[in-house]
Amino acid sequence: MRKHAVVPPFHALDPELGVAERLLRHGNPQLCGIVAQLPEEAAAARRLNAVLAEAGARPRLVATGTVWRIVYVTPYAGTGELAAGAAGLAELVTVGGWRRVKRCATCAKPFCDRTSGCTRKWCAEHRRSTGGVD
């Protein structure tokens, strides 16, 4: 059993989080309408996504099992995967810094280091073939 939960670096979510907090403090009807849907998370997410769409923002909240993730919608066809990948990379950088984006020590292929100690040195292909420990 885990005693301590991982606390996200909330400062990485600023200035947007600070704006949301200010708008909620001042009773913004759109954001307060989202909070009013709680504890029904799916309803709150639908309302949040509607507010995002009305505002012209690109992120959307999506349920994936028991957790929520952000996906980015694109205004035109053909760029969805690239937009999602770039957004995911941006989120990784905001949480883990650029040190999590590396090049393989063998072939220089880029990869994202998801190890807890940020110690990986090889891409998935070479990690298996070299017998090296990441």
C-alpha atoms as a PDB file:
ATOM      1  CA  MET A   1       0.000   0.000   0.000  1.00  0.00           C
ATOM      2  CA  ARG A   2       1.328   3.410  -0.953  1.00  0.00           C
ATOM      3  CA  LYS A   3       1.373   5.904   1.895  1.00  0.00           C
ATOM      4  CA  HIS A   4       2.067   9.080  -0.040  1.00  0.00           C
ATOM      5  CA  ALA A   5       0.427  10.207  -3.237  1.00  0.00           C
ATOM      6  CA  VAL A   6       2.474  11.898  -5.916  1.00  0.00           C
ATOM      7  CA  VAL A   7       1.730  15.620  -5.907  1.00  0.00           C
ATOM      8  CA  PRO A   8       1.814  17.227  -9.345  1.00  0.00           C
ATOM      9  CA  PRO A   9       3.795  20.436  -9.739  1.00  0.00           C
ATOM     10  CA  PHE A  10       0.813  22.757  -9.799  1.00  0.00           C
ATOM     11  CA  HIS A  11       3.014  25.738 -10.640  1.00  0.00           C
ATOM     12  CA  ALA A  12       3.522  24.078 -14.027  1.00  0.00           C
ATOM     13  CA  LEU A  13      -0.175  24.639 -14.699  1.00  0.00           C
ATOM     14  CA  ASP A  14       0.111  28.393 -14.261  1.00  0.00           C
ATOM     15  CA  PRO A  15      -0.821  30.943 -15.426  1.00  0.00           C
ATOM     16  CA  GLU A  16      -3.976  29.145 -16.625  1.00  0.00           C
ATOM     17  CA  LEU A  17      -4.724  27.553 -13.245  1.00  0.00           C
ATOM     18  CA  GLY A  18      -4.391  30.923 -11.538  1.00  0.00           C
ATOM     19  CA  VAL A  19      -6.840  32.452 -14.019  1.00  0.00           C
ATOM     20  CA  ALA A  20      -9.331  29.645 -13.342  1.00  0.00           C
ATOM     21  CA  GLU A  21      -9.010  30.154  -9.601  1.00  0.00           C
ATOM     22  CA  ARG A  22      -9.569  33.898  -9.983  1.00  0.00           C
ATOM     23  CA  LEU A  23     -12.630  33.402 -12.210  1.00  0.00           C
ATOM     24  CA  LEU A  24     -14.095  30.898  -9.753  1.00  0.00           C
ATOM     25  CA  ARG A  25     -13.501  33.313  -6.861  1.00  0.00           C
ATOM     26  CA  HIS A  26     -15.386  36.004  -8.786  1.00  0.00           C
ATOM     27  CA  GLY A  27     -18.298  33.684  -9.586  1.00  0.00           C
ATOM     28  CA  ASN A  28     -17.795  33.233 -13.337  1.00  0.00           C
ATOM     29  CA  PRO A  29     -21.045  31.539 -14.446  1.00  0.00           C
ATOM     30  CA  GLN A  30     -19.418  29.211 -16.980  1.00  0.00           C
ATOM     31  CA  LEU A  31     -16.767  27.842 -14.616  1.00  0.00           C
ATOM     32  CA  CYS A  32     -19.118  27.785 -11.634  1.00  0.00           C
ATOM     33  CA  GLY A  33     -21.567  25.838 -13.815  1.00  0.00           C
ATOM     34  CA  ILE A  34     -18.905  23.158 -14.270  1.00  0.00           C
ATOM     35  CA  VAL A  35     -18.304  22.871 -10.532  1.00  0.00           C
ATOM     36  CA  ALA A  36     -22.070  22.723  -9.950  1.00  0.00           C
ATOM     37  CA  GLN A  37     -22.156  19.410 -11.867  1.00  0.00           C
ATOM     38  CA  LEU A  38     -19.948  17.705  -9.279  1.00  0.00           C
ATOM     39  CA  PRO A  39     -19.808  15.061  -7.876  1.00  0.00           C
ATOM     40  CA  GLU A  40     -21.038  13.738 -11.255  1.00  0.00           C
ATOM     41  CA  GLU A  41     -17.652  13.802 -13.004  1.00  0.00           C
ATOM     42  CA  ALA A  42     -18.945  12.823 -16.450  1.00  0.00           C
ATOM     43  CA  ALA A  43     -21.464  15.678 -16.403  1.00  0.00           C
ATOM     44  CA  ALA A  44     -18.797  18.120 -15.218  1.00  0.00           C
ATOM     45  CA  ALA A  45     -16.479  16.936 -18.003  1.00  0.00           C
ATOM     46  CA  ARG A  46     -19.216  17.398 -20.623  1.00  0.00           C
ATOM     47  CA  ARG A  47     -19.845  20.930 -19.368  1.00  0.00           C
ATOM     48  CA  LEU A  48     -16.116  21.709 -19.264  1.00  0.00           C
ATOM     49  CA  ASN A  49     -15.709  20.441 -22.825  1.00  0.00           C
ATOM     50  CA  ALA A  50     -18.667  22.566 -23.941  1.00  0.00           C
ATOM     51  CA  VAL A  51     -17.127  25.654 -22.328  1.00  0.00           C
ATOM     52  CA  LEU A  52     -13.772  24.876 -23.960  1.00  0.00           C
ATOM     53  CA  ALA A  53     -15.436  24.484 -27.368  1.00  0.00           C
ATOM     54  CA  GLU A  54     -17.464  27.684 -26.984  1.00  0.00           C
ATOM     55  CA  ALA A  55     -14.300  29.549 -26.039  1.00  0.00           C
ATOM     56  CA  GLY A  56     -12.430  28.186 -29.046  1.00  0.00           C
ATOM     57  CA  ALA A  57      -9.906  26.305 -26.888  1.00  0.00           C
ATOM     58  CA  ARG A  58      -8.398  23.118 -28.265  1.00  0.00           C
ATOM     59  CA  PRO A  59      -7.999  20.802 -25.232  1.00  0.00           C
ATOM     60  CA  ARG A  60     -10.775  18.394 -24.248  1.00  0.00           C
ATOM     61  CA  LEU A  61     -11.090  16.246 -21.148  1.00  0.00           C
ATOM     62  CA  VAL A  62     -11.505  12.513 -21.825  1.00  0.00           C
ATOM     63  CA  ALA A  63     -12.144   9.674 -19.383  1.00  0.00           C
ATOM     64  CA  THR A  64      -9.725   6.759 -19.695  1.00  0.00           C
ATOM     65  CA  GLY A  65     -10.782   4.164 -17.186  1.00  0.00           C
ATOM     66  CA  THR A  66     -10.525   5.679 -13.724  1.00  0.00           C
ATOM     67  CA  VAL A  67      -8.396   8.674 -14.718  1.00  0.00           C
ATOM     68  CA  TRP A  68      -8.831  11.731 -16.907  1.00  0.00           C
ATOM     69  CA  ARG A  69      -6.530  12.934 -19.631  1.00  0.00           C
ATOM     70  CA  ILE A  70      -6.389  15.902 -21.935  1.00  0.00           C
ATOM     71  CA  VAL A  71      -6.649  15.491 -25.689  1.00  0.00           C
ATOM     72  CA  TYR A  72      -6.308  18.281 -28.199  1.00  0.00           C
ATOM     73  CA  VAL A  73      -8.807  18.626 -30.984  1.00  0.00           C
ATOM     74  CA  THR A  74      -7.736  19.978 -34.301  1.00  0.00           C
ATOM     75  CA  PRO A  75      -9.719  22.338 -36.506  1.00  0.00           C
ATOM     76  CA  TYR A  76      -8.848  20.496 -39.728  1.00  0.00           C
ATOM     77  CA  ALA A  77      -8.412  16.888 -40.820  1.00  0.00           C
ATOM     78  CA  GLY A  78      -5.057  15.188 -41.198  1.00  0.00           C
ATOM     79  CA  THR A  79      -3.213  16.719 -38.263  1.00  0.00           C
ATOM     80  CA  GLY A  80      -4.901  14.931 -35.368  1.00  0.00           C
ATOM     81  CA  GLU A  81      -2.120  12.495 -34.526  1.00  0.00           C
ATOM     82  CA  LEU A  82       0.610  15.104 -34.844  1.00  0.00           C
ATOM     83  CA  ALA A  83      -1.357  17.574 -32.740  1.00  0.00           C
ATOM     84  CA  ALA A  84      -1.970  14.928 -30.064  1.00  0.00           C
ATOM     85  CA  GLY A  85       1.676  13.863 -30.065  1.00  0.00           C
ATOM     86  CA  ALA A  86       2.970  17.409 -29.855  1.00  0.00           C
ATOM     87  CA  ALA A  87       0.549  18.177 -27.029  1.00  0.00           C
ATOM     88  CA  GLY A  88       1.637  15.062 -25.162  1.00  0.00           C
ATOM     89  CA  LEU A  89       5.257  16.054 -25.540  1.00  0.00           C
ATOM     90  CA  ALA A  90       4.472  19.537 -24.300  1.00  0.00           C
ATOM     91  CA  GLU A  91       2.752  18.083 -21.242  1.00  0.00           C
ATOM     92  CA  LEU A  92       5.728  15.795 -20.569  1.00  0.00           C
ATOM     93  CA  VAL A  93       8.055  18.756 -20.730  1.00  0.00           C
ATOM     94  CA  THR A  94       5.899  20.764 -18.326  1.00  0.00           C
ATOM     95  CA  VAL A  95       5.878  17.919 -15.805  1.00  0.00           C
ATOM     96  CA  GLY A  96       9.272  16.264 -16.278  1.00  0.00           C
ATOM     97  CA  GLY A  97      11.317  18.881 -18.074  1.00  0.00           C
ATOM     98  CA  TRP A  98      13.251  18.465 -21.292  1.00  0.00           C
ATOM     99  CA  ARG A  99      15.533  15.958 -19.568  1.00  0.00           C
ATOM    100  CA  ARG A 100      12.849  13.340 -20.239  1.00  0.00           C
ATOM    101  CA  VAL A 101      13.242  13.789 -24.007  1.00  0.00           C
ATOM    102  CA  LYS A 102      16.431  12.006 -25.087  1.00  0.00           C
ATOM    103  CA  ARG A 103      18.322  10.425 -27.966  1.00  0.00           C
ATOM    104  CA  CYS A 104      19.434   6.791 -27.961  1.00  0.00           C
ATOM    105  CA  ALA A 105      23.109   6.324 -27.057  1.00  0.00           C
ATOM    106  CA  THR A 106      23.419   3.771 -29.889  1.00  0.00           C
ATOM    107  CA  CYS A 107      21.401   5.113 -32.837  1.00  0.00           C
ATOM    108  CA  ALA A 108      20.387   8.650 -31.780  1.00  0.00           C
ATOM    109  CA  LYS A 109      16.673   7.847 -32.270  1.00  0.00           C
ATOM    110  CA  PRO A 110      14.584  10.105 -29.993  1.00  0.00           C
ATOM    111  CA  PHE A 111      12.568   8.632 -27.135  1.00  0.00           C
ATOM    112  CA  CYS A 112      10.802   9.693 -23.947  1.00  0.00           C
ATOM    113  CA  ASP A 113      12.337   8.501 -20.691  1.00  0.00           C
ATOM    114  CA  ARG A 114       9.552   7.333 -18.372  1.00  0.00           C
ATOM    115  CA  THR A 115      11.823   5.779 -15.761  1.00  0.00           C
ATOM    116  CA  SER A 116      11.410   7.088 -12.235  1.00  0.00           C
ATOM    117  CA  GLY A 117      15.061   8.137 -11.999  1.00  0.00           C
ATOM    118  CA  CYS A 118      15.275   9.509 -15.550  1.00  0.00           C
ATOM    119  CA  THR A 119      18.158   7.104 -16.254  1.00  0.00           C
ATOM    120  CA  ARG A 120      17.223   5.458 -19.550  1.00  0.00           C
ATOM    121  CA  LYS A 121      19.935   5.655 -22.235  1.00  0.00           C
ATOM    122  CA  TRP A 122      18.608   3.607 -25.152  1.00  0.00           C
ATOM    123  CA  CYS A 123      15.536   3.521 -27.371  1.00  0.00           C
ATOM    124  CA  ALA A 124      13.208   0.517 -26.994  1.00  0.00           C
ATOM    125  CA  GLU A 125      14.944  -1.343 -29.846  1.00  0.00           C
ATOM    126  CA  HIS A 126      18.466  -1.020 -28.460  1.00  0.00           C
ATOM    127  CA  ARG A 127      17.534  -1.456 -24.838  1.00  0.00           C
ATOM    128  CA  ARG A 128      16.550  -5.024 -25.653  1.00  0.00           C
ATOM    129  CA  SER A 129      19.362  -5.829 -28.079  1.00  0.00           C
ATOM    130  CA  THR A 130      22.307  -4.471 -26.073  1.00  0.00           C
ATOM    131  CA  GLY A 131      21.427  -6.318 -22.904  1.00  0.00           C
ATOM    132  CA  GLY A 132      22.263  -3.074 -21.114  1.00  0.00           C
ATOM    133  CA  VAL A 133      20.378  -1.952 -18.112  1.00  0.00           C
ATOM    134  CA  ASP A 134      18.578   1.345 -18.461  1.00  0.00           C
END
